[in-house]
Amino acid sequence: MGRKTDREREVEAAFDELRQAETVAFGGVGIAGTLLPVTEAYRRVEAALGDAPEGVRTRLDRLLAEGTPAGRVYAATLLERVDPTAGRAAWTALREDPAEFGTFTGCVMGRTTLRDYATDRPDGP
């Protein structure tokens, strides 16, 4: 196999960041609206979906299986974009998981469980 491009290395690093994520934040946080490293990683993977959806899909499946609770939220969210059926199945499975993780919406920090987060989604039951 050949050398990895800078973009491939960036996507690999982004997946590493998501796999270890402790907090879910899809936008800027705090008064300054600062992007957390995990949010930037999410955005890098999201952008890679357009370039190589199949390669990213395989990695999302792995992230869903091996990631922290927050990492699994990112995986399910991204899976919905590349494969809506798989995304719905992921959220259904997460509704059974009591694992906790941190959330950040604007200036508000919180904690929730995968069960509650997945159940409260607009497409939930």
PDB file of N, CA and C in Angstrom:
ATOM      1  N   MET A   1       0.836  -1.175   0.000  1.00  0.00           N
ATOM      2  CA  MET A   1       0.000   0.000   0.000  1.00  0.00           C
ATOM      3  C   MET A   1       0.884   1.242   0.000  1.00  0.00           C
ATOM      4  N   GLY A   2       0.447   2.266  -0.716  1.00  0.00           N
ATOM      5  CA  GLY A   2       1.243   3.477  -0.832  1.00  0.00           C
ATOM      6  C   GLY A   2       1.172   4.341   0.406  1.00  0.00           C
ATOM      7  N   ARG A   3       1.899   5.429   0.333  1.00  0.00           N
ATOM      8  CA  ARG A   3       1.886   6.387   1.438  1.00  0.00           C
ATOM      9  C   ARG A   3       0.533   7.079   1.539  1.00  0.00           C
ATOM     10  N   LYS A   4       0.209   7.450   2.747  1.00  0.00           N
ATOM     11  CA  LYS A   4      -1.042   8.172   2.972  1.00  0.00           C
ATOM     12  C   LYS A   4      -0.862   9.636   2.627  1.00  0.00           C
ATOM     13  N   THR A   5      -1.914  10.212   2.072  1.00  0.00           N
ATOM     14  CA  THR A   5      -1.903  11.636   1.772  1.00  0.00           C
ATOM     15  C   THR A   5      -2.147  12.401   3.075  1.00  0.00           C
ATOM     16  N   ASP A   6      -1.910  13.703   3.026  1.00  0.00           N
ATOM     17  CA  ASP A   6      -2.180  14.542   4.192  1.00  0.00           C
ATOM     18  C   ASP A   6      -3.651  14.438   4.587  1.00  0.00           C
ATOM     19  N   ARG A   7      -4.521  14.429   3.595  1.00  0.00           N
ATOM     20  CA  ARG A   7      -5.971  14.333   3.859  1.00  0.00           C
ATOM     21  C   ARG A   7      -6.310  13.013   4.551  1.00  0.00           C
ATOM     22  N   GLU A   8      -5.731  11.916   4.075  1.00  0.00           N
ATOM     23  CA  GLU A   8      -5.984  10.608   4.703  1.00  0.00           C
ATOM     24  C   GLU A   8      -5.498  10.595   6.147  1.00  0.00           C
ATOM     25  N   ARG A   9      -4.347  11.199   6.396  1.00  0.00           N
ATOM     26  CA  ARG A   9      -3.835  11.286   7.766  1.00  0.00           C
ATOM     27  C   ARG A   9      -4.746  12.144   8.641  1.00  0.00           C
ATOM     28  N   GLU A  10      -5.266  13.235   8.078  1.00  0.00           N
ATOM     29  CA  GLU A  10      -6.186  14.096   8.827  1.00  0.00           C
ATOM     30  C   GLU A  10      -7.464  13.346   9.191  1.00  0.00           C
ATOM     31  N   VAL A  11      -7.999  12.581   8.257  1.00  0.00           N
ATOM     32  CA  VAL A  11      -9.220  11.816   8.516  1.00  0.00           C
ATOM     33  C   VAL A  11      -8.945  10.730   9.544  1.00  0.00           C
ATOM     34  N   GLU A  12      -7.806  10.085   9.445  1.00  0.00           N
ATOM     35  CA  GLU A  12      -7.429   9.066  10.432  1.00  0.00           C
ATOM     36  C   GLU A  12      -7.327   9.680  11.829  1.00  0.00           C
ATOM     37  N   ALA A  13      -6.695  10.833  11.924  1.00  0.00           N
ATOM     38  CA  ALA A  13      -6.577  11.527  13.214  1.00  0.00           C
ATOM     39  C   ALA A  13      -7.960  11.943  13.724  1.00  0.00           C
ATOM     40  N   ALA A  14      -8.831  12.353  12.816  1.00  0.00           N
ATOM     41  CA  ALA A  14     -10.191  12.741  13.211  1.00  0.00           C
ATOM     42  C   ALA A  14     -10.933  11.543  13.794  1.00  0.00           C
ATOM     43  N   PHE A  15     -10.806  10.388  13.172  1.00  0.00           N
ATOM     44  CA  PHE A  15     -11.448   9.195  13.719  1.00  0.00           C
ATOM     45  C   PHE A  15     -10.875   8.838  15.086  1.00  0.00           C
ATOM     46  N   ASP A  16      -9.572   8.998  15.268  1.00  0.00           N
ATOM     47  CA  ASP A  16      -8.963   8.749  16.583  1.00  0.00           C
ATOM     48  C   ASP A  16      -9.565   9.682  17.630  1.00  0.00           C
ATOM     49  N   GLU A  17      -9.742  10.949  17.272  1.00  0.00           N
ATOM     50  CA  GLU A  17     -10.336  11.930  18.184  1.00  0.00           C
ATOM     51  C   GLU A  17     -11.770  11.536  18.537  1.00  0.00           C
ATOM     52  N   LEU A  18     -12.548  11.142  17.537  1.00  0.00           N
ATOM     53  CA  LEU A  18     -13.944  10.760  17.780  1.00  0.00           C
ATOM     54  C   LEU A  18     -14.034   9.482  18.613  1.00  0.00           C
ATOM     55  N   ARG A  19     -13.134   8.550  18.397  1.00  0.00           N
ATOM     56  CA  ARG A  19     -13.144   7.280  19.130  1.00  0.00           C
ATOM     57  C   ARG A  19     -12.943   7.504  20.636  1.00  0.00           C
ATOM     58  N   GLN A  20     -12.244   8.580  20.988  1.00  0.00           N
ATOM     59  CA  GLN A  20     -11.943   8.880  22.391  1.00  0.00           C
ATOM     60  C   GLN A  20     -12.803  10.004  22.965  1.00  0.00           C
ATOM     61  N   ALA A  21     -13.756  10.488  22.199  1.00  0.00           N
ATOM     62  CA  ALA A  21     -14.555  11.651  22.586  1.00  0.00           C
ATOM     63  C   ALA A  21     -15.260  11.442  23.919  1.00  0.00           C
ATOM     64  N   GLU A  22     -15.252  12.478  24.727  1.00  0.00           N
ATOM     65  CA  GLU A  22     -15.965  12.469  26.008  1.00  0.00           C
ATOM     66  C   GLU A  22     -17.198  13.361  25.966  1.00  0.00           C
ATOM     67  N   THR A  23     -17.241  14.255  24.977  1.00  0.00           N
ATOM     68  CA  THR A  23     -18.296  15.256  24.895  1.00  0.00           C
ATOM     69  C   THR A  23     -18.842  15.330  23.470  1.00  0.00           C
ATOM     70  N   VAL A  24     -20.145  15.549  23.368  1.00  0.00           N
ATOM     71  CA  VAL A  24     -20.780  15.790  22.076  1.00  0.00           C
ATOM     72  C   VAL A  24     -21.078  17.280  21.971  1.00  0.00           C
ATOM     73  N   ALA A  25     -20.520  17.899  20.953  1.00  0.00           N
ATOM     74  CA  ALA A  25     -20.758  19.323  20.666  1.00  0.00           C
ATOM     75  C   ALA A  25     -20.695  19.481  19.154  1.00  0.00           C
ATOM     76  N   PHE A  26     -21.813  19.851  18.551  1.00  0.00           N
ATOM     77  CA  PHE A  26     -21.849  19.984  17.095  1.00  0.00           C
ATOM     78  C   PHE A  26     -21.539  21.397  16.618  1.00  0.00           C
ATOM     79  N   GLY A  27     -21.510  22.348  17.529  1.00  0.00           N
ATOM     80  CA  GLY A  27     -21.199  23.730  17.160  1.00  0.00           C
ATOM     81  C   GLY A  27     -20.239  24.345  18.148  1.00  0.00           C
ATOM     82  N   GLY A  28     -20.084  25.634  18.035  1.00  0.00           N
ATOM     83  CA  GLY A  28     -19.198  26.353  18.933  1.00  0.00           C
ATOM     84  C   GLY A  28     -19.714  26.327  20.361  1.00  0.00           C
ATOM     85  N   VAL A  29     -18.787  26.413  21.313  1.00  0.00           N
ATOM     86  CA  VAL A  29     -19.150  26.362  22.727  1.00  0.00           C
ATOM     87  C   VAL A  29     -18.610  27.592  23.451  1.00  0.00           C
ATOM     88  N   GLY A  30     -19.259  27.898  24.558  1.00  0.00           N
ATOM     89  CA  GLY A  30     -18.820  29.028  25.371  1.00  0.00           C
ATOM     90  C   GLY A  30     -19.205  30.353  24.741  1.00  0.00           C
ATOM     91  N   ILE A  31     -18.893  31.410  25.450  1.00  0.00           N
ATOM     92  CA  ILE A  31     -19.239  32.759  25.003  1.00  0.00           C
ATOM     93  C   ILE A  31     -18.575  33.080  23.668  1.00  0.00           C
ATOM     94  N   ALA A  32     -17.360  32.595  23.474  1.00  0.00           N
ATOM     95  CA  ALA A  32     -16.627  32.879  22.240  1.00  0.00           C
ATOM     96  C   ALA A  32     -17.016  31.957  21.086  1.00  0.00           C
ATOM     97  N   GLY A  33     -17.831  30.933  21.362  1.00  0.00           N
ATOM     98  CA  GLY A  33     -18.226  29.998  20.307  1.00  0.00           C
ATOM     99  C   GLY A  33     -17.068  29.181  19.771  1.00  0.00           C
ATOM    100  N   THR A  34     -16.153  28.828  20.647  1.00  0.00           N
ATOM    101  CA  THR A  34     -14.970  28.070  20.273  1.00  0.00           C
ATOM    102  C   THR A  34     -15.346  26.653  19.829  1.00  0.00           C
ATOM    103  N   LEU A  35     -14.698  26.175  18.766  1.00  0.00           N
ATOM    104  CA  LEU A  35     -14.913  24.794  18.335  1.00  0.00           C
ATOM    105  C   LEU A  35     -13.983  23.877  19.115  1.00  0.00           C
ATOM    106  N   LEU A  36     -14.547  22.860  19.722  1.00  0.00           N
ATOM    107  CA  LEU A  36     -13.742  21.860  20.411  1.00  0.00           C
ATOM    108  C   LEU A  36     -13.013  20.996  19.380  1.00  0.00           C
ATOM    109  N   PRO A  37     -11.878  20.412  19.746  1.00  0.00           N
ATOM    110  CA  PRO A  37     -11.179  19.522  18.821  1.00  0.00           C
ATOM    111  C   PRO A  37     -12.075  18.396  18.303  1.00  0.00           C
ATOM    112  N   VAL A  38     -12.954  17.882  19.149  1.00  0.00           N
ATOM    113  CA  VAL A  38     -13.832  16.798  18.712  1.00  0.00           C
ATOM    114  C   VAL A  38     -14.844  17.293  17.681  1.00  0.00           C
ATOM    115  N   THR A  39     -15.287  18.530  17.790  1.00  0.00           N
ATOM    116  CA  THR A  39     -16.205  19.104  16.800  1.00  0.00           C
ATOM    117  C   THR A  39     -15.488  19.273  15.471  1.00  0.00           C
ATOM    118  N   GLU A  40     -14.258  19.721  15.524  1.00  0.00           N
ATOM    119  CA  GLU A  40     -13.466  19.848  14.302  1.00  0.00           C
ATOM    120  C   GLU A  40     -13.239  18.479  13.669  1.00  0.00           C
ATOM    121  N   ALA A  41     -12.998  17.466  14.499  1.00  0.00           N
ATOM    122  CA  ALA A  41     -12.815  16.107  13.987  1.00  0.00           C
ATOM    123  C   ALA A  41     -14.094  15.620  13.307  1.00  0.00           C
ATOM    124  N   TYR A  42     -15.227  15.859  13.935  1.00  0.00           N
ATOM    125  CA  TYR A  42     -16.517  15.480  13.352  1.00  0.00           C
ATOM    126  C   TYR A  42     -16.669  16.122  11.971  1.00  0.00           C
ATOM    127  N   ARG A  43     -16.341  17.380  11.875  1.00  0.00           N
ATOM    128  CA  ARG A  43     -16.481  18.090  10.604  1.00  0.00           C
ATOM    129  C   ARG A  43     -15.536  17.558   9.535  1.00  0.00           C
ATOM    130  N   ARG A  44     -14.321  17.146   9.936  1.00  0.00           N
ATOM    131  CA  ARG A  44     -13.383  16.559   8.967  1.00  0.00           C
ATOM    132  C   ARG A  44     -13.930  15.241   8.426  1.00  0.00           C
ATOM    133  N   VAL A  45     -14.482  14.422   9.308  1.00  0.00           N
ATOM    134  CA  VAL A  45     -15.050  13.140   8.861  1.00  0.00           C
ATOM    135  C   VAL A  45     -16.284  13.401   7.993  1.00  0.00           C
ATOM    136  N   GLU A  46     -17.100  14.358   8.400  1.00  0.00           N
ATOM    137  CA  GLU A  46     -18.284  14.712   7.615  1.00  0.00           C
ATOM    138  C   GLU A  46     -17.883  15.120   6.193  1.00  0.00           C
ATOM    139  N   ALA A  47     -16.842  15.927   6.071  1.00  0.00           N
ATOM    140  CA  ALA A  47     -16.366  16.356   4.753  1.00  0.00           C
ATOM    141  C   ALA A  47     -15.835  15.174   3.955  1.00  0.00           C
ATOM    142  N   ALA A  48     -15.203  14.221   4.619  1.00  0.00           N
ATOM    143  CA  ALA A  48     -14.649  13.050   3.935  1.00  0.00           C
ATOM    144  C   ALA A  48     -15.742  12.143   3.374  1.00  0.00           C
ATOM    145  N   LEU A  49     -16.950  12.237   3.919  1.00  0.00           N
ATOM    146  CA  LEU A  49     -18.056  11.436   3.396  1.00  0.00           C
ATOM    147  C   LEU A  49     -18.287  11.703   1.914  1.00  0.00           C
ATOM    148  N   GLY A  50     -18.096  12.945   1.494  1.00  0.00           N
ATOM    149  CA  GLY A  50     -18.287  13.296   0.094  1.00  0.00           C
ATOM    150  C   GLY A  50     -17.188  12.763  -0.807  1.00  0.00           C
ATOM    151  N   ASP A  51     -15.997  12.590  -0.264  1.00  0.00           N
ATOM    152  CA  ASP A  51     -14.855  12.139  -1.056  1.00  0.00           C
ATOM    153  C   ASP A  51     -14.779  10.619  -1.192  1.00  0.00           C
ATOM    154  N   ALA A  52     -15.026   9.922  -0.105  1.00  0.00           N
ATOM    155  CA  ALA A  52     -14.857   8.459  -0.094  1.00  0.00           C
ATOM    156  C   ALA A  52     -15.886   7.824   0.836  1.00  0.00           C
ATOM    157  N   PRO A  53     -17.170   7.853   0.452  1.00  0.00           N
ATOM    158  CA  PRO A  53     -18.205   7.371   1.376  1.00  0.00           C
ATOM    159  C   PRO A  53     -18.032   5.925   1.818  1.00  0.00           C
ATOM    160  N   GLU A  54     -17.570   5.054   0.937  1.00  0.00           N
ATOM    161  CA  GLU A  54     -17.425   3.645   1.329  1.00  0.00           C
ATOM    162  C   GLU A  54     -16.325   3.447   2.368  1.00  0.00           C
ATOM    163  N   GLY A  55     -15.188   4.092   2.172  1.00  0.00           N
ATOM    164  CA  GLY A  55     -14.103   3.979   3.148  1.00  0.00           C
ATOM    165  C   GLY A  55     -14.482   4.579   4.484  1.00  0.00           C
ATOM    166  N   VAL A  56     -15.191   5.683   4.446  1.00  0.00           N
ATOM    167  CA  VAL A  56     -15.633   6.321   5.678  1.00  0.00           C
ATOM    168  C   VAL A  56     -16.693   5.461   6.348  1.00  0.00           C
ATOM    169  N   ARG A  57     -17.586   4.879   5.564  1.00  0.00           N
ATOM    170  CA  ARG A  57     -18.658   4.036   6.121  1.00  0.00           C
ATOM    171  C   ARG A  57     -18.077   2.900   6.955  1.00  0.00           C
ATOM    172  N   THR A  58     -17.069   2.227   6.446  1.00  0.00           N
ATOM    173  CA  THR A  58     -16.434   1.133   7.175  1.00  0.00           C
ATOM    174  C   THR A  58     -15.891   1.615   8.510  1.00  0.00           C
ATOM    175  N   ARG A  59     -15.280   2.768   8.497  1.00  0.00           N
ATOM    176  CA  ARG A  59     -14.714   3.324   9.727  1.00  0.00           C
ATOM    177  C   ARG A  59     -15.808   3.770  10.693  1.00  0.00           C
ATOM    178  N   LEU A  60     -16.935   4.246  10.176  1.00  0.00           N
ATOM    179  CA  LEU A  60     -18.052   4.631  11.036  1.00  0.00           C
ATOM    180  C   LEU A  60     -18.626   3.411  11.748  1.00  0.00           C
ATOM    181  N   ASP A  61     -18.724   2.289  11.036  1.00  0.00           N
ATOM    182  CA  ASP A  61     -19.197   1.054  11.664  1.00  0.00           C
ATOM    183  C   ASP A  61     -18.283   0.664  12.821  1.00  0.00           C
ATOM    184  N   ARG A  62     -16.983   0.794  12.606  1.00  0.00           N
ATOM    185  CA  ARG A  62     -16.010   0.471  13.647  1.00  0.00           C
ATOM    186  C   ARG A  62     -16.115   1.445  14.818  1.00  0.00           C
ATOM    187  N   LEU A  63     -16.298   2.735  14.516  1.00  0.00           N
ATOM    188  CA  LEU A  63     -16.459   3.742  15.566  1.00  0.00           C
ATOM    189  C   LEU A  63     -17.714   3.461  16.384  1.00  0.00           C
ATOM    190  N   LEU A  64     -18.768   3.044  15.736  1.00  0.00           N
ATOM    191  CA  LEU A  64     -20.006   2.724  16.438  1.00  0.00           C
ATOM    192  C   LEU A  64     -19.796   1.546  17.387  1.00  0.00           C
ATOM    193  N   ALA A  65     -18.967   0.619  17.004  1.00  0.00           N
ATOM    194  CA  ALA A  65     -18.710  -0.570  17.830  1.00  0.00           C
ATOM    195  C   ALA A  65     -17.667  -0.322  18.918  1.00  0.00           C
ATOM    196  N   GLU A  66     -16.664   0.506  18.635  1.00  0.00           N
ATOM    197  CA  GLU A  66     -15.507   0.627  19.527  1.00  0.00           C
ATOM    198  C   GLU A  66     -15.374   1.979  20.224  1.00  0.00           C
ATOM    199  N   GLY A  67     -16.152   2.961  19.839  1.00  0.00           N
ATOM    200  CA  GLY A  67     -15.990   4.302  20.370  1.00  0.00           C
ATOM    201  C   GLY A  67     -16.549   4.464  21.773  1.00  0.00           C
ATOM    202  N   THR A  68     -16.182   5.558  22.392  1.00  0.00           N
ATOM    203  CA  THR A  68     -16.776   5.959  23.668  1.00  0.00           C
ATOM    204  C   THR A  68     -18.255   6.245  23.410  1.00  0.00           C
ATOM    205  N   PRO A  69     -19.056   6.431  24.447  1.00  0.00           N
ATOM    206  CA  PRO A  69     -20.460   6.790  24.203  1.00  0.00           C
ATOM    207  C   PRO A  69     -20.601   8.031  23.305  1.00  0.00           C
ATOM    208  N   ALA A  70     -19.812   9.072  23.559  1.00  0.00           N
ATOM    209  CA  ALA A  70     -19.881  10.264  22.702  1.00  0.00           C
ATOM    210  C   ALA A  70     -19.445   9.926  21.281  1.00  0.00           C
ATOM    211  N   GLY A  71     -18.424   9.109  21.148  1.00  0.00           N
ATOM    212  CA  GLY A  71     -17.974   8.686  19.820  1.00  0.00           C
ATOM    213  C   GLY A  71     -19.056   7.944  19.060  1.00  0.00           C
ATOM    214  N   ARG A  72     -19.840   7.153  19.768  1.00  0.00           N
ATOM    215  CA  ARG A  72     -20.937   6.421  19.128  1.00  0.00           C
ATOM    216  C   ARG A  72     -22.044   7.369  18.668  1.00  0.00           C
ATOM    217  N   VAL A  73     -22.259   8.463  19.395  1.00  0.00           N
ATOM    218  CA  VAL A  73     -23.230   9.470  18.948  1.00  0.00           C
ATOM    219  C   VAL A  73     -22.762  10.079  17.626  1.00  0.00           C
ATOM    220  N   TYR A  74     -21.492  10.433  17.562  1.00  0.00           N
ATOM    221  CA  TYR A  74     -20.969  10.980  16.313  1.00  0.00           C
ATOM    222  C   TYR A  74     -21.093   9.957  15.185  1.00  0.00           C
ATOM    223  N   ALA A  75     -20.787   8.698  15.460  1.00  0.00           N
ATOM    224  CA  ALA A  75     -20.870   7.660  14.433  1.00  0.00           C
ATOM    225  C   ALA A  75     -22.297   7.503  13.921  1.00  0.00           C
ATOM    226  N   ALA A  76     -23.263   7.422  14.822  1.00  0.00           N
ATOM    227  CA  ALA A  76     -24.660   7.251  14.408  1.00  0.00           C
ATOM    228  C   ALA A  76     -25.142   8.458  13.603  1.00  0.00           C
ATOM    229  N   THR A  77     -24.736   9.647  14.019  1.00  0.00           N
ATOM    230  CA  THR A  77     -25.130  10.861  13.309  1.00  0.00           C
ATOM    231  C   THR A  77     -24.589  10.855  11.883  1.00  0.00           C
ATOM    232  N   LEU A  78     -23.331  10.483  11.733  1.00  0.00           N
ATOM    233  CA  LEU A  78     -22.724  10.444  10.403  1.00  0.00           C
ATOM    234  C   LEU A  78     -23.256   9.279   9.573  1.00  0.00           C
ATOM    235  N   LEU A  79     -23.538   8.146  10.208  1.00  0.00           N
ATOM    236  CA  LEU A  79     -24.111   7.012   9.487  1.00  0.00           C
ATOM    237  C   LEU A  79     -25.439   7.382   8.836  1.00  0.00           C
ATOM    238  N   GLU A  80     -26.233   8.185   9.526  1.00  0.00           N
ATOM    239  CA  GLU A  80     -27.512   8.627   8.963  1.00  0.00           C
ATOM    240  C   GLU A  80     -27.327   9.306   7.610  1.00  0.00           C
ATOM    241  N   ARG A  81     -26.220   9.991   7.438  1.00  0.00           N
ATOM    242  CA  ARG A  81     -25.982  10.736   6.197  1.00  0.00           C
ATOM    243  C   ARG A  81     -25.568   9.825   5.053  1.00  0.00           C
ATOM    244  N   VAL A  82     -24.782   8.806   5.373  1.00  0.00           N
ATOM    245  CA  VAL A  82     -24.273   7.933   4.308  1.00  0.00           C
ATOM    246  C   VAL A  82     -25.208   6.745   4.061  1.00  0.00           C
ATOM    247  N   ASP A  83     -25.928   6.306   5.088  1.00  0.00           N
ATOM    248  CA  ASP A  83     -26.833   5.163   4.977  1.00  0.00           C
ATOM    249  C   ASP A  83     -27.955   5.337   5.997  1.00  0.00           C
ATOM    250  N   PRO A  84     -29.048   6.005   5.594  1.00  0.00           N
ATOM    251  CA  PRO A  84     -30.121   6.295   6.546  1.00  0.00           C
ATOM    252  C   PRO A  84     -30.675   5.066   7.273  1.00  0.00           C
ATOM    253  N   THR A  85     -30.752   3.946   6.606  1.00  0.00           N
ATOM    254  CA  THR A  85     -31.258   2.730   7.252  1.00  0.00           C
ATOM    255  C   THR A  85     -30.307   2.288   8.358  1.00  0.00           C
ATOM    256  N   ALA A  86     -29.011   2.289   8.076  1.00  0.00           N
ATOM    257  CA  ALA A  86     -28.021   1.921   9.092  1.00  0.00           C
ATOM    258  C   ALA A  86     -28.020   2.941  10.231  1.00  0.00           C
ATOM    259  N   GLY A  87     -28.213   4.197   9.905  1.00  0.00           N
ATOM    260  CA  GLY A  87     -28.274   5.237  10.936  1.00  0.00           C
ATOM    261  C   GLY A  87     -29.444   5.009  11.882  1.00  0.00           C
ATOM    262  N   ARG A  88     -30.613   4.710  11.325  1.00  0.00           N
ATOM    263  CA  ARG A  88     -31.781   4.436  12.177  1.00  0.00           C
ATOM    264  C   ARG A  88     -31.541   3.201  13.048  1.00  0.00           C
ATOM    265  N   ALA A  89     -30.927   2.172  12.468  1.00  0.00           N
ATOM    266  CA  ALA A  89     -30.627   0.962  13.241  1.00  0.00           C
ATOM    267  C   ALA A  89     -29.653   1.272  14.375  1.00  0.00           C
ATOM    268  N   ALA A  90     -28.682   2.126  14.108  1.00  0.00           N
ATOM    269  CA  ALA A  90     -27.719   2.505  15.146  1.00  0.00           C
ATOM    270  C   ALA A  90     -28.424   3.225  16.285  1.00  0.00           C
ATOM    271  N   TRP A  91     -29.286   4.180  15.956  1.00  0.00           N
ATOM    272  CA  TRP A  91     -30.005   4.908  17.003  1.00  0.00           C
ATOM    273  C   TRP A  91     -30.914   3.976  17.791  1.00  0.00           C
ATOM    274  N   THR A  92     -31.542   3.030  17.121  1.00  0.00           N
ATOM    275  CA  THR A  92     -32.401   2.061  17.817  1.00  0.00           C
ATOM    276  C   THR A  92     -31.581   1.267  18.822  1.00  0.00           C
ATOM    277  N   ALA A  93     -30.407   0.808  18.418  1.00  0.00           N
ATOM    278  CA  ALA A  93     -29.541   0.049  19.325  1.00  0.00           C
ATOM    279  C   ALA A  93     -29.066   0.919  20.493  1.00  0.00           C
ATOM    280  N   LEU A  94     -28.762   2.181  20.229  1.00  0.00           N
ATOM    281  CA  LEU A  94     -28.278   3.071  21.283  1.00  0.00           C
ATOM    282  C   LEU A  94     -29.361   3.374  22.318  1.00  0.00           C
ATOM    283  N   ARG A  95     -30.613   3.206  21.964  1.00  0.00           N
ATOM    284  CA  ARG A  95     -31.709   3.436  22.922  1.00  0.00           C
ATOM    285  C   ARG A  95     -31.701   2.441  24.068  1.00  0.00           C
ATOM    286  N   GLU A  96     -30.901   1.399  23.931  1.00  0.00           N
ATOM    287  CA  GLU A  96     -30.795   0.381  24.982  1.00  0.00           C
ATOM    288  C   GLU A  96     -29.561   0.575  25.854  1.00  0.00           C
ATOM    289  N   ASP A  97     -28.737   1.558  25.539  1.00  0.00           N
ATOM    290  CA  ASP A  97     -27.436   1.716  26.204  1.00  0.00           C
ATOM    291  C   ASP A  97     -27.485   2.805  27.284  1.00  0.00           C
ATOM    292  N   PRO A  98     -27.205   2.452  28.545  1.00  0.00           N
ATOM    293  CA  PRO A  98     -27.255   3.436  29.634  1.00  0.00           C
ATOM    294  C   PRO A  98     -25.964   4.234  29.835  1.00  0.00           C
ATOM    295  N   ALA A  99     -24.973   4.051  28.966  1.00  0.00           N
ATOM    296  CA  ALA A  99     -23.684   4.737  29.141  1.00  0.00           C
ATOM    297  C   ALA A  99     -23.862   6.254  29.091  1.00  0.00           C
ATOM    298  N   GLU A 100     -23.087   6.967  29.919  1.00  0.00           N
ATOM    299  CA  GLU A 100     -23.170   8.426  30.014  1.00  0.00           C
ATOM    300  C   GLU A 100     -22.055   9.107  29.233  1.00  0.00           C
ATOM    301  N   PHE A 101     -22.337  10.351  28.839  1.00  0.00           N
ATOM    302  CA  PHE A 101     -21.345  11.197  28.174  1.00  0.00           C
ATOM    303  C   PHE A 101     -21.726  12.651  28.385  1.00  0.00           C
ATOM    304  N   GLY A 102     -20.778  13.536  28.113  1.00  0.00           N
ATOM    305  CA  GLY A 102     -21.012  14.963  28.263  1.00  0.00           C
ATOM    306  C   GLY A 102     -21.586  15.570  26.994  1.00  0.00           C
ATOM    307  N   THR A 103     -22.335  16.644  27.177  1.00  0.00           N
ATOM    308  CA  THR A 103     -22.876  17.396  26.049  1.00  0.00           C
ATOM    309  C   THR A 103     -22.515  18.864  26.232  1.00  0.00           C
ATOM    310  N   PHE A 104     -22.491  19.567  25.127  1.00  0.00           N
ATOM    311  CA  PHE A 104     -22.214  20.988  25.165  1.00  0.00           C
ATOM    312  C   PHE A 104     -23.045  21.636  24.073  1.00  0.00           C
ATOM    313  N   THR A 105     -23.932  22.511  24.457  1.00  0.00           N
ATOM    314  CA  THR A 105     -24.745  23.266  23.511  1.00  0.00           C
ATOM    315  C   THR A 105     -24.578  24.746  23.857  1.00  0.00           C
ATOM    316  N   GLY A 106     -23.867  25.463  23.007  1.00  0.00           N
ATOM    317  CA  GLY A 106     -23.583  26.868  23.293  1.00  0.00           C
ATOM    318  C   GLY A 106     -22.780  26.981  24.575  1.00  0.00           C
ATOM    319  N   CYS A 107     -23.333  27.667  25.551  1.00  0.00           N
ATOM    320  CA  CYS A 107     -22.654  27.853  26.843  1.00  0.00           C
ATOM    321  C   CYS A 107     -23.079  26.813  27.876  1.00  0.00           C
ATOM    322  N   VAL A 108     -23.967  25.933  27.509  1.00  0.00           N
ATOM    323  CA  VAL A 108     -24.540  25.004  28.473  1.00  0.00           C
ATOM    324  C   VAL A 108     -23.886  23.623  28.370  1.00  0.00           C
ATOM    325  N   MET A 109     -23.250  23.240  29.466  1.00  0.00           N
ATOM    326  CA  MET A 109     -22.659  21.912  29.584  1.00  0.00           C
ATOM    327  C   MET A 109     -23.647  21.011  30.285  1.00  0.00           C
ATOM    328  N   GLY A 110     -23.660  19.743  29.918  1.00  0.00           N
ATOM    329  CA  GLY A 110     -24.553  18.803  30.574  1.00  0.00           C
ATOM    330  C   GLY A 110     -24.043  17.381  30.459  1.00  0.00           C
ATOM    331  N   ARG A 111     -24.838  16.468  30.972  1.00  0.00           N
ATOM    332  CA  ARG A 111     -24.557  15.041  30.855  1.00  0.00           C
ATOM    333  C   ARG A 111     -25.866  14.347  30.508  1.00  0.00           C
ATOM    334  N   THR A 112     -25.753  13.269  29.767  1.00  0.00           N
ATOM    335  CA  THR A 112     -26.910  12.467  29.414  1.00  0.00           C
ATOM    336  C   THR A 112     -26.456  11.036  29.183  1.00  0.00           C
ATOM    337  N   THR A 113     -27.396  10.184  28.879  1.00  0.00           N
ATOM    338  CA  THR A 113     -27.076   8.798  28.535  1.00  0.00           C
ATOM    339  C   THR A 113     -27.371   8.584  27.059  1.00  0.00           C
ATOM    340  N   LEU A 114     -26.749   7.550  26.513  1.00  0.00           N
ATOM    341  CA  LEU A 114     -27.067   7.193  25.134  1.00  0.00           C
ATOM    342  C   LEU A 114     -28.554   6.903  25.004  1.00  0.00           C
ATOM    343  N   ARG A 115     -29.098   6.212  25.978  1.00  0.00           N
ATOM    344  CA  ARG A 115     -30.529   5.872  25.963  1.00  0.00           C
ATOM    345  C   ARG A 115     -31.374   7.138  25.816  1.00  0.00           C
ATOM    346  N   ASP A 116     -31.145   8.123  26.670  1.00  0.00           N
ATOM    347  CA  ASP A 116     -31.943   9.348  26.624  1.00  0.00           C
ATOM    348  C   ASP A 116     -31.684  10.150  25.350  1.00  0.00           C
ATOM    349  N   TYR A 117     -30.430  10.254  24.963  1.00  0.00           N
ATOM    350  CA  TYR A 117     -30.088  11.036  23.773  1.00  0.00           C
ATOM    351  C   TYR A 117     -30.736  10.437  22.533  1.00  0.00           C
ATOM    352  N   ALA A 118     -30.626   9.119  22.380  1.00  0.00           N
ATOM    353  CA  ALA A 118     -31.198   8.443  21.206  1.00  0.00           C
ATOM    354  C   ALA A 118     -32.715   8.512  21.220  1.00  0.00           C
ATOM    355  N   THR A 119     -33.321   8.384  22.380  1.00  0.00           N
ATOM    356  CA  THR A 119     -34.778   8.422  22.495  1.00  0.00           C
ATOM    357  C   THR A 119     -35.325   9.813  22.214  1.00  0.00           C
ATOM    358  N   ASP A 120     -34.580  10.857  22.596  1.00  0.00           N
ATOM    359  CA  ASP A 120     -35.049  12.230  22.425  1.00  0.00           C
ATOM    360  C   ASP A 120     -34.831  12.790  21.024  1.00  0.00           C
ATOM    361  N   ARG A 121     -34.211  12.021  20.154  1.00  0.00           N
ATOM    362  CA  ARG A 121     -33.991  12.487  18.782  1.00  0.00           C
ATOM    363  C   ARG A 121     -35.330  12.688  18.090  1.00  0.00           C
ATOM    364  N   PRO A 122     -35.406  13.662  17.185  1.00  0.00           N
ATOM    365  CA  PRO A 122     -36.679  13.936  16.508  1.00  0.00           C
ATOM    366  C   PRO A 122     -37.262  12.728  15.779  1.00  0.00           C
ATOM    367  N   ASP A 123     -36.415  11.825  15.282  1.00  0.00           N
ATOM    368  CA  ASP A 123     -36.919  10.647  14.563  1.00  0.00           C
ATOM    369  C   ASP A 123     -37.127   9.466  15.501  1.00  0.00           C
ATOM    370  N   GLY A 124     -37.038   9.711  16.805  1.00  0.00           N
ATOM    371  CA  GLY A 124     -37.218   8.649  17.797  1.00  0.00           C
ATOM    372  C   GLY A 124     -38.655   8.138  17.823  1.00  0.00           C
ATOM    373  N   PRO A 125     -38.903   7.090  18.614  1.00  0.00           N
ATOM    374  CA  PRO A 125     -40.228   6.471  18.648  1.00  0.00           C
ATOM    375  C   PRO A 125     -41.280   7.388  19.230  1.00  0.00           C
TER     376      PRO A 125
END
